[in-house]
Structures are given as structure tokens and as C-alpha cells.
């Protein structure tokens, strides 16, 4: 009976992973450890962080990382933002999106009538790449189980993928963000909207209008799923 239960749990895990776009399996315990049945998101997220530990799964822990940047916000959020990797300020504070790009993200969130406390913010990569270089494929692969588990736990209605690497990792594509943005994808039970990273907007402010169009889609999707107050 125990073997049957184990097989059933494994089948359910693989089904959920497939729905979330995960290709293949890993021996890394990060993929296998799950919160107890009935655990709330507020209880489960710290368990995921504990599983991450003082991570040494990729080379970034040897390249000047000061601390892991896990994620922050409302564990029951309907809206989740997933960026690429922490920057220098995030590496110092251990909180995603607190530098100049984070200040712009806060304004973007407020523009659709929400606050940072109402959403959840994380990154694909939990450690800062040196000199803010692009993440390497092995670094993305090492962190992927944890961001998938964050999504599974929070169960947002809408996910905004900020920038090329976040969108490509979540959607399993090599298409550039310029081709992906403006569209709505399905990611598990959530709508996924790719858009430009706030850091890119600081360099190319003329693309803010594109991000605003994307965020209006986000707002519409959240409102469409909201319960009727009447």
C-alpha cells in the first residue's frame, strides 16, 4: 500500500511538472521535497527556502555572492513577477528588485492599482552573477526547481516574466523578449505575460509604452478572474 501511495505521489508530481512546462526529471532533492499536505503558502515558502539552504549547486556561490535572494511579497498573491537575477543592491539586501530597476518596478505595480505587498516577486536565479552578466545555462538549471516550486506554492493567477532570461526559462524557448512580449501564454493554471525588464527600461525609456500595454493586459486578466462584489 505504501509503494502504491509513493507511486501515486510521484505520478502527481510529474503531472504537475509537465503542466508547468518542466522537461525531464532530476535526482536533485530540490525537485522531490514538497511541503506537507494542507500546508499553506505562508508555511510552504520557508520550507522551500530551507531546502535551498546555503546553495552550492552552481558556480555562483564561488563568484562573490554575498547572499541568496529568494523572493518577497504576499504568499497568496494573484500576481507574481519573475525576473532574471539579483543585482548588486539585491545581493546586499537579500531582497529582489530594490535598486533603481526595483523602484521602477514598484511604480509599474502601482500603475495598475496594486502595491508591492500585494504581489510576489522573485528571480529565476537566486544569486547575483558577477558584474551582472547574463545567467549561464547551468545556473538557470540549478535554480529552476526552486522557482517552479515557488510558482506551485503561490499559485498566482498571472505571472509577469521580466526580461529575456525569465521569459525564455519559463516558456522553454529561445525567442527574444521582443518577439514574446505582447502575447499571453499559459503556464500551468496561470496566465503568463512576458515583458521588458525594468533595467532595460532605464536604458530605453521609449519602451515604457510597450510595458504599459502589457500591464494593462495583466490588470484585465486579474479583474476578469476577480469575484463579483455583488
C-alpha atoms as a PDB file:
ATOM      1  CA  UNK A   1       0.000   0.000   0.000  1.00  0.00           C
ATOM      2  CA  UNK A   2       2.879   2.350   0.838  1.00  0.00           C
ATOM      3  CA  UNK A   3       4.503   1.629  -2.538  1.00  0.00           C
ATOM      4  CA  UNK A   4       1.220   2.431  -4.277  1.00  0.00           C
ATOM      5  CA  UNK A   5       0.981   5.736  -2.378  1.00  0.00           C
ATOM      6  CA  UNK A   6       4.565   6.609  -3.320  1.00  0.00           C
ATOM      7  CA  UNK A   7       3.929   5.838  -6.985  1.00  0.00           C
ATOM      8  CA  UNK A   8       0.746   7.911  -6.916  1.00  0.00           C
ATOM      9  CA  UNK A   9       2.591  10.866  -5.366  1.00  0.00           C
ATOM     10  CA  UNK A  10       5.348  10.590  -7.985  1.00  0.00           C
ATOM     11  CA  UNK A  11       2.804  10.458 -10.802  1.00  0.00           C
ATOM     12  CA  UNK A  12       1.065  13.556  -9.438  1.00  0.00           C
ATOM     13  CA  UNK A  13       4.411  15.389  -9.150  1.00  0.00           C
ATOM     14  CA  UNK A  14       5.311  14.541 -12.762  1.00  0.00           C
ATOM     15  CA  UNK A  15       1.877  15.613 -13.963  1.00  0.00           C
ATOM     16  CA  UNK A  16       2.177  18.985 -12.233  1.00  0.00           C
ATOM     17  CA  UNK A  17       5.719  19.471 -13.524  1.00  0.00           C
ATOM     18  CA  UNK A  18       4.606  18.692 -17.069  1.00  0.00           C
ATOM     19  CA  UNK A  19       1.777  21.240 -16.809  1.00  0.00           C
ATOM     20  CA  UNK A  20       4.307  23.826 -15.646  1.00  0.00           C
ATOM     21  CA  UNK A  21       6.475  23.185 -18.684  1.00  0.00           C
ATOM     22  CA  UNK A  22       9.220  21.173 -16.967  1.00  0.00           C
ATOM     23  CA  UNK A  23      11.010  18.837 -19.384  1.00  0.00           C
ATOM     24  CA  UNK A  24      12.565  15.781 -17.755  1.00  0.00           C
ATOM     25  CA  UNK A  25      13.386  14.970 -14.165  1.00  0.00           C
ATOM     26  CA  UNK A  26      16.363  15.427 -11.850  1.00  0.00           C
ATOM     27  CA  UNK A  27      17.912  13.489  -8.978  1.00  0.00           C
ATOM     28  CA  UNK A  28      18.341  16.763  -7.080  1.00  0.00           C
ATOM     29  CA  UNK A  29      16.261  16.553  -3.874  1.00  0.00           C
ATOM     30  CA  UNK A  30      15.046  20.075  -4.673  1.00  0.00           C
ATOM     31  CA  UNK A  31      12.635  18.531  -7.160  1.00  0.00           C
ATOM     32  CA  UNK A  32      11.357  15.909  -4.745  1.00  0.00           C
ATOM     33  CA  UNK A  33      10.900  17.685  -1.422  1.00  0.00           C
ATOM     34  CA  UNK A  34       7.405  19.021  -1.019  1.00  0.00           C
ATOM     35  CA  UNK A  35       5.509  20.728   1.766  1.00  0.00           C
ATOM     36  CA  UNK A  36       3.170  18.547   3.836  1.00  0.00           C
ATOM     37  CA  UNK A  37      -0.348  18.164   2.510  1.00  0.00           C
ATOM     38  CA  UNK A  38      -2.516  21.032   3.667  1.00  0.00           C
ATOM     39  CA  UNK A  39       0.401  23.406   4.311  1.00  0.00           C
ATOM     40  CA  UNK A  40      -0.406  26.999   3.413  1.00  0.00           C
ATOM     41  CA  UNK A  41       1.784  29.012   1.053  1.00  0.00           C
ATOM     42  CA  UNK A  42       2.949  31.050   4.037  1.00  0.00           C
ATOM     43  CA  UNK A  43       4.139  27.813   5.664  1.00  0.00           C
ATOM     44  CA  UNK A  44       5.483  26.186   2.493  1.00  0.00           C
ATOM     45  CA  UNK A  45       7.658  29.010   1.159  1.00  0.00           C
ATOM     46  CA  UNK A  46      10.036  28.940   4.172  1.00  0.00           C
ATOM     47  CA  UNK A  47      10.338  25.185   3.673  1.00  0.00           C
ATOM     48  CA  UNK A  48      11.430  25.745   0.076  1.00  0.00           C
ATOM     49  CA  UNK A  49      13.935  28.320   1.275  1.00  0.00           C
ATOM     50  CA  UNK A  50      15.250  25.807   3.814  1.00  0.00           C
ATOM     51  CA  UNK A  51      15.652  23.230   1.054  1.00  0.00           C
ATOM     52  CA  UNK A  52      17.639  25.772  -0.963  1.00  0.00           C
ATOM     53  CA  UNK A  53      19.933  26.227   2.028  1.00  0.00           C
ATOM     54  CA  UNK A  54      23.331  27.865   1.590  1.00  0.00           C
ATOM     55  CA  UNK A  55      23.185  26.778  -2.032  1.00  0.00           C
ATOM     56  CA  UNK A  56      26.300  25.399  -3.749  1.00  0.00           C
ATOM     57  CA  UNK A  57      24.523  23.803  -6.705  1.00  0.00           C
ATOM     58  CA  UNK A  58      26.245  26.012  -9.290  1.00  0.00           C
ATOM     59  CA  UNK A  59      29.433  28.048  -9.507  1.00  0.00           C
ATOM     60  CA  UNK A  60      27.837  31.343  -8.464  1.00  0.00           C
ATOM     61  CA  UNK A  61      28.490  30.606  -4.789  1.00  0.00           C
ATOM     62  CA  UNK A  62      32.226  30.842  -5.578  1.00  0.00           C
ATOM     63  CA  UNK A  63      31.990  34.058  -7.597  1.00  0.00           C
ATOM     64  CA  UNK A  64      31.378  36.705  -4.959  1.00  0.00           C
ATOM     65  CA  UNK A  65      27.783  36.057  -3.964  1.00  0.00           C
ATOM     66  CA  UNK A  66      27.022  37.766  -0.670  1.00  0.00           C
ATOM     67  CA  UNK A  67      23.665  36.138  -0.027  1.00  0.00           C
ATOM     68  CA  UNK A  68      20.829  34.245  -1.655  1.00  0.00           C
ATOM     69  CA  UNK A  69      17.888  36.345  -2.859  1.00  0.00           C
ATOM     70  CA  UNK A  70      14.880  34.045  -2.557  1.00  0.00           C
ATOM     71  CA  UNK A  71      11.728  36.106  -3.003  1.00  0.00           C
ATOM     72  CA  UNK A  72       9.435  38.501  -1.194  1.00  0.00           C
ATOM     73  CA  UNK A  73       5.806  39.507  -1.052  1.00  0.00           C
ATOM     74  CA  UNK A  74       2.347  38.092  -0.466  1.00  0.00           C
ATOM     75  CA  UNK A  75       2.371  34.257  -0.352  1.00  0.00           C
ATOM     76  CA  UNK A  76      -1.260  34.292  -1.527  1.00  0.00           C
ATOM     77  CA  UNK A  77      -0.667  36.779  -4.344  1.00  0.00           C
ATOM     78  CA  UNK A  78      -2.732  36.633  -7.520  1.00  0.00           C
ATOM     79  CA  UNK A  79       0.131  38.330  -9.380  1.00  0.00           C
ATOM     80  CA  UNK A  80       3.735  37.130  -9.419  1.00  0.00           C
ATOM     81  CA  UNK A  81       6.719  38.847 -11.037  1.00  0.00           C
ATOM     82  CA  UNK A  82       9.717  36.730 -12.005  1.00  0.00           C
ATOM     83  CA  UNK A  83      12.902  38.494 -13.035  1.00  0.00           C
ATOM     84  CA  UNK A  84      16.257  37.233 -14.198  1.00  0.00           C
ATOM     85  CA  UNK A  85      18.814  37.541 -11.376  1.00  0.00           C
ATOM     86  CA  UNK A  86      19.711  39.782  -8.426  1.00  0.00           C
ATOM     87  CA  UNK A  87      21.824  42.875  -8.939  1.00  0.00           C
ATOM     88  CA  UNK A  88      24.343  44.467  -6.607  1.00  0.00           C
ATOM     89  CA  UNK A  89      21.798  46.103  -4.278  1.00  0.00           C
ATOM     90  CA  UNK A  90      19.690  42.951  -4.142  1.00  0.00           C
ATOM     91  CA  UNK A  91      22.800  40.927  -3.294  1.00  0.00           C
ATOM     92  CA  UNK A  92      23.483  43.270  -0.378  1.00  0.00           C
ATOM     93  CA  UNK A  93      19.933  43.335   0.997  1.00  0.00           C
ATOM     94  CA  UNK A  94      18.750  39.838   0.102  1.00  0.00           C
ATOM     95  CA  UNK A  95      15.544  41.266  -1.407  1.00  0.00           C
ATOM     96  CA  UNK A  96      14.693  41.208  -5.132  1.00  0.00           C
ATOM     97  CA  UNK A  97      14.217  44.443  -7.057  1.00  0.00           C
ATOM     98  CA  UNK A  98      15.346  47.063  -4.558  1.00  0.00           C
ATOM     99  CA  UNK A  99      17.740  49.039  -6.781  1.00  0.00           C
ATOM    100  CA  UNK A 100      16.820  51.554  -9.486  1.00  0.00           C
ATOM    101  CA  UNK A 101      15.113  48.864 -11.549  1.00  0.00           C
ATOM    102  CA  UNK A 102      13.185  47.825  -8.438  1.00  0.00           C
ATOM    103  CA  UNK A 103      11.997  51.366  -7.854  1.00  0.00           C
ATOM    104  CA  UNK A 104      10.682  51.415 -11.406  1.00  0.00           C
ATOM    105  CA  UNK A 105       9.001  48.039 -10.886  1.00  0.00           C
ATOM    106  CA  UNK A 106       7.256  49.468  -7.824  1.00  0.00           C
ATOM    107  CA  UNK A 107       5.858  52.289  -9.982  1.00  0.00           C
ATOM    108  CA  UNK A 108       4.725  49.771 -12.601  1.00  0.00           C
ATOM    109  CA  UNK A 109       2.901  47.767  -9.945  1.00  0.00           C
ATOM    110  CA  UNK A 110       1.276  50.880  -8.531  1.00  0.00           C
ATOM    111  CA  UNK A 111       0.183  51.938 -12.020  1.00  0.00           C
ATOM    112  CA  UNK A 112      -2.269  49.009 -12.116  1.00  0.00           C
ATOM    113  CA  UNK A 113      -3.624  49.796  -8.673  1.00  0.00           C
ATOM    114  CA  UNK A 114      -1.570  47.390  -6.554  1.00  0.00           C
ATOM    115  CA  UNK A 115       1.312  47.641  -4.085  1.00  0.00           C
ATOM    116  CA  UNK A 116       4.443  45.532  -3.700  1.00  0.00           C
ATOM    117  CA  UNK A 117       2.937  43.981  -0.570  1.00  0.00           C
ATOM    118  CA  UNK A 118       0.082  42.582  -2.654  1.00  0.00           C
ATOM    119  CA  UNK A 119       2.248  40.755  -5.207  1.00  0.00           C
ATOM    120  CA  UNK A 120       5.093  38.251  -5.008  1.00  0.00           C
ATOM    121  CA  UNK A 121       8.486  39.000  -6.560  1.00  0.00           C
ATOM    122  CA  UNK A 122      11.258  36.512  -7.305  1.00  0.00           C
ATOM    123  CA  UNK A 123      14.000  35.765  -9.816  1.00  0.00           C
ATOM    124  CA  UNK A 124      14.915  32.755 -11.916  1.00  0.00           C
ATOM    125  CA  UNK A 125      18.456  32.933 -10.485  1.00  0.00           C
ATOM    126  CA  UNK A 126      18.768  33.320  -6.721  1.00  0.00           C
ATOM    127  CA  UNK A 127      22.403  34.533  -6.683  1.00  0.00           C
ATOM    128  CA  UNK A 128      23.985  37.526  -8.374  1.00  0.00           C
ATOM    129  CA  UNK A 129      26.105  36.723 -11.434  1.00  0.00           C
ATOM    130  CA  UNK A 130      29.411  38.643 -11.297  1.00  0.00           C
ATOM    131  CA  UNK A 131      29.267  42.093 -12.902  1.00  0.00           C
ATOM    132  CA  UNK A 132      25.555  41.433 -13.562  1.00  0.00           C
ATOM    133  CA  UNK A 133      26.432  39.267 -16.550  1.00  0.00           C
ATOM    134  CA  UNK A 134      23.782  37.105 -18.206  1.00  0.00           C
ATOM    135  CA  UNK A 135      22.999  33.836 -16.396  1.00  0.00           C
ATOM    136  CA  UNK A 136      24.672  30.715 -17.759  1.00  0.00           C
ATOM    137  CA  UNK A 137      22.511  27.704 -18.716  1.00  0.00           C
ATOM    138  CA  UNK A 138      23.849  25.589 -15.833  1.00  0.00           C
ATOM    139  CA  UNK A 139      22.966  28.366 -13.375  1.00  0.00           C
ATOM    140  CA  UNK A 140      19.415  28.531 -14.707  1.00  0.00           C
ATOM    141  CA  UNK A 141      19.116  24.739 -14.479  1.00  0.00           C
ATOM    142  CA  UNK A 142      20.336  24.725 -10.875  1.00  0.00           C
ATOM    143  CA  UNK A 143      17.772  27.300  -9.735  1.00  0.00           C
ATOM    144  CA  UNK A 144      14.853  26.168 -11.876  1.00  0.00           C
ATOM    145  CA  UNK A 145      13.386  23.666  -9.385  1.00  0.00           C
ATOM    146  CA  UNK A 146      13.024  26.357  -6.768  1.00  0.00           C
ATOM    147  CA  UNK A 147      11.243  28.931  -8.891  1.00  0.00           C
ATOM    148  CA  UNK A 148       8.897  26.183 -10.149  1.00  0.00           C
ATOM    149  CA  UNK A 149       8.119  25.251  -6.559  1.00  0.00           C
ATOM    150  CA  UNK A 150       7.534  28.908  -5.700  1.00  0.00           C
ATOM    151  CA  UNK A 151       5.008  29.141  -8.531  1.00  0.00           C
ATOM    152  CA  UNK A 152       3.342  25.882  -7.477  1.00  0.00           C
ATOM    153  CA  UNK A 153       3.083  27.104  -3.898  1.00  0.00           C
ATOM    154  CA  UNK A 154       1.857  30.654  -4.541  1.00  0.00           C
ATOM    155  CA  UNK A 155      -0.432  29.519  -7.362  1.00  0.00           C
ATOM    156  CA  UNK A 156      -0.797  33.000  -8.904  1.00  0.00           C
ATOM    157  CA  UNK A 157      -3.431  33.821 -11.479  1.00  0.00           C
ATOM    158  CA  UNK A 158      -0.988  35.876 -13.538  1.00  0.00           C
ATOM    159  CA  UNK A 159       2.801  35.672 -13.883  1.00  0.00           C
ATOM    160  CA  UNK A 160       4.822  38.503 -15.416  1.00  0.00           C
ATOM    161  CA  UNK A 161       8.169  37.337 -16.790  1.00  0.00           C
ATOM    162  CA  UNK A 162      10.553  40.284 -16.667  1.00  0.00           C
ATOM    163  CA  UNK A 163      13.196  40.163 -19.361  1.00  0.00           C
ATOM    164  CA  UNK A 164      14.686  37.725 -21.820  1.00  0.00           C
ATOM    165  CA  UNK A 165      16.059  35.064 -19.486  1.00  0.00           C
ATOM    166  CA  UNK A 166      12.994  34.842 -17.277  1.00  0.00           C
ATOM    167  CA  UNK A 167      10.695  34.517 -20.285  1.00  0.00           C
ATOM    168  CA  UNK A 168      12.934  32.021 -22.074  1.00  0.00           C
ATOM    169  CA  UNK A 169      13.391  29.860 -18.979  1.00  0.00           C
ATOM    170  CA  UNK A 170       9.697  29.737 -18.125  1.00  0.00           C
ATOM    171  CA  UNK A 171       8.490  29.252 -21.698  1.00  0.00           C
ATOM    172  CA  UNK A 172      11.255  26.885 -22.817  1.00  0.00           C
ATOM    173  CA  UNK A 173      12.064  28.962 -25.853  1.00  0.00           C
ATOM    174  CA  UNK A 174      14.991  30.757 -27.445  1.00  0.00           C
ATOM    175  CA  UNK A 175      12.788  33.533 -28.833  1.00  0.00           C
ATOM    176  CA  UNK A 176      13.882  37.038 -27.809  1.00  0.00           C
ATOM    177  CA  UNK A 177      11.732  39.093 -25.467  1.00  0.00           C
ATOM    178  CA  UNK A 178      10.913  41.458 -28.331  1.00  0.00           C
ATOM    179  CA  UNK A 179       9.097  38.581 -30.027  1.00  0.00           C
ATOM    180  CA  UNK A 180       7.478  37.193 -26.883  1.00  0.00           C
ATOM    181  CA  UNK A 181       6.066  40.357 -25.340  1.00  0.00           C
ATOM    182  CA  UNK A 182       2.593  41.479 -26.293  1.00  0.00           C
ATOM    183  CA  UNK A 183       1.291  37.917 -26.035  1.00  0.00           C
ATOM    184  CA  UNK A 184      -0.412  35.907 -23.291  1.00  0.00           C
ATOM    185  CA  UNK A 185       0.814  32.372 -22.625  1.00  0.00           C
ATOM    186  CA  UNK A 186      -0.412  29.580 -20.372  1.00  0.00           C
ATOM    187  CA  UNK A 187       1.849  28.373 -17.563  1.00  0.00           C
ATOM    188  CA  UNK A 188       0.176  25.670 -15.531  1.00  0.00           C
ATOM    189  CA  UNK A 189      -3.051  27.254 -14.302  1.00  0.00           C
ATOM    190  CA  UNK A 190      -1.707  30.783 -14.693  1.00  0.00           C
ATOM    191  CA  UNK A 191      -1.589  33.329 -17.480  1.00  0.00           C
ATOM    192  CA  UNK A 192       1.988  34.294 -18.289  1.00  0.00           C
ATOM    193  CA  UNK A 193       2.836  37.670 -19.810  1.00  0.00           C
ATOM    194  CA  UNK A 194       6.433  38.382 -20.853  1.00  0.00           C
ATOM    195  CA  UNK A 195       7.572  41.991 -20.865  1.00  0.00           C
ATOM    196  CA  UNK A 196      10.738  44.069 -20.812  1.00  0.00           C
ATOM    197  CA  UNK A 197      12.862  44.102 -17.675  1.00  0.00           C
ATOM    198  CA  UNK A 198      12.746  47.395 -15.720  1.00  0.00           C
ATOM    199  CA  UNK A 199      16.543  47.664 -16.050  1.00  0.00           C
ATOM    200  CA  UNK A 200      16.094  47.694 -19.819  1.00  0.00           C
ATOM    201  CA  UNK A 201      13.521  50.454 -19.492  1.00  0.00           C
ATOM    202  CA  UNK A 202      16.065  52.584 -17.637  1.00  0.00           C
ATOM    203  CA  UNK A 203      18.282  52.354 -20.726  1.00  0.00           C
ATOM    204  CA  UNK A 204      15.451  52.531 -23.260  1.00  0.00           C
ATOM    205  CA  UNK A 205      12.647  54.635 -21.757  1.00  0.00           C
ATOM    206  CA  UNK A 206      10.870  54.745 -25.114  1.00  0.00           C
ATOM    207  CA  UNK A 207       9.785  51.115 -24.473  1.00  0.00           C
ATOM    208  CA  UNK A 208       7.806  52.047 -21.365  1.00  0.00           C
ATOM    209  CA  UNK A 209       4.685  52.364 -23.516  1.00  0.00           C
ATOM    210  CA  UNK A 210       5.067  48.700 -24.532  1.00  0.00           C
ATOM    211  CA  UNK A 211       5.310  47.643 -20.896  1.00  0.00           C
ATOM    212  CA  UNK A 212       2.242  49.704 -20.052  1.00  0.00           C
ATOM    213  CA  UNK A 213       0.304  47.861 -22.763  1.00  0.00           C
ATOM    214  CA  UNK A 214       1.447  44.558 -21.266  1.00  0.00           C
ATOM    215  CA  UNK A 215       0.469  45.662 -17.784  1.00  0.00           C
ATOM    216  CA  UNK A 216      -2.995  46.636 -18.959  1.00  0.00           C
ATOM    217  CA  UNK A 217      -3.390  43.007 -20.077  1.00  0.00           C
ATOM    218  CA  UNK A 218      -2.279  41.929 -16.598  1.00  0.00           C
ATOM    219  CA  UNK A 219      -4.827  44.236 -14.985  1.00  0.00           C
ATOM    220  CA  UNK A 220      -7.603  42.996 -17.269  1.00  0.00           C
ATOM    221  CA  UNK A 221      -6.811  39.349 -16.529  1.00  0.00           C
ATOM    222  CA  UNK A 222      -6.791  39.955 -12.791  1.00  0.00           C
ATOM    223  CA  UNK A 223     -10.072  41.813 -12.956  1.00  0.00           C
ATOM    224  CA  UNK A 224     -11.648  39.141 -15.148  1.00  0.00           C
ATOM    225  CA  UNK A 225     -10.775  36.498 -12.548  1.00  0.00           C
ATOM    226  CA  UNK A 226     -11.842  38.620  -9.593  1.00  0.00           C
ATOM    227  CA  UNK A 227     -15.080  37.628  -7.800  1.00  0.00           C
ATOM    228  CA  UNK A 228     -18.130  39.732  -8.497  1.00  0.00           C
ATOM    229  CA  UNK A 229     -18.570  42.074  -5.476  1.00  0.00           C
ATOM    230  CA  UNK A 230     -22.325  41.959  -5.937  1.00  0.00           C
END
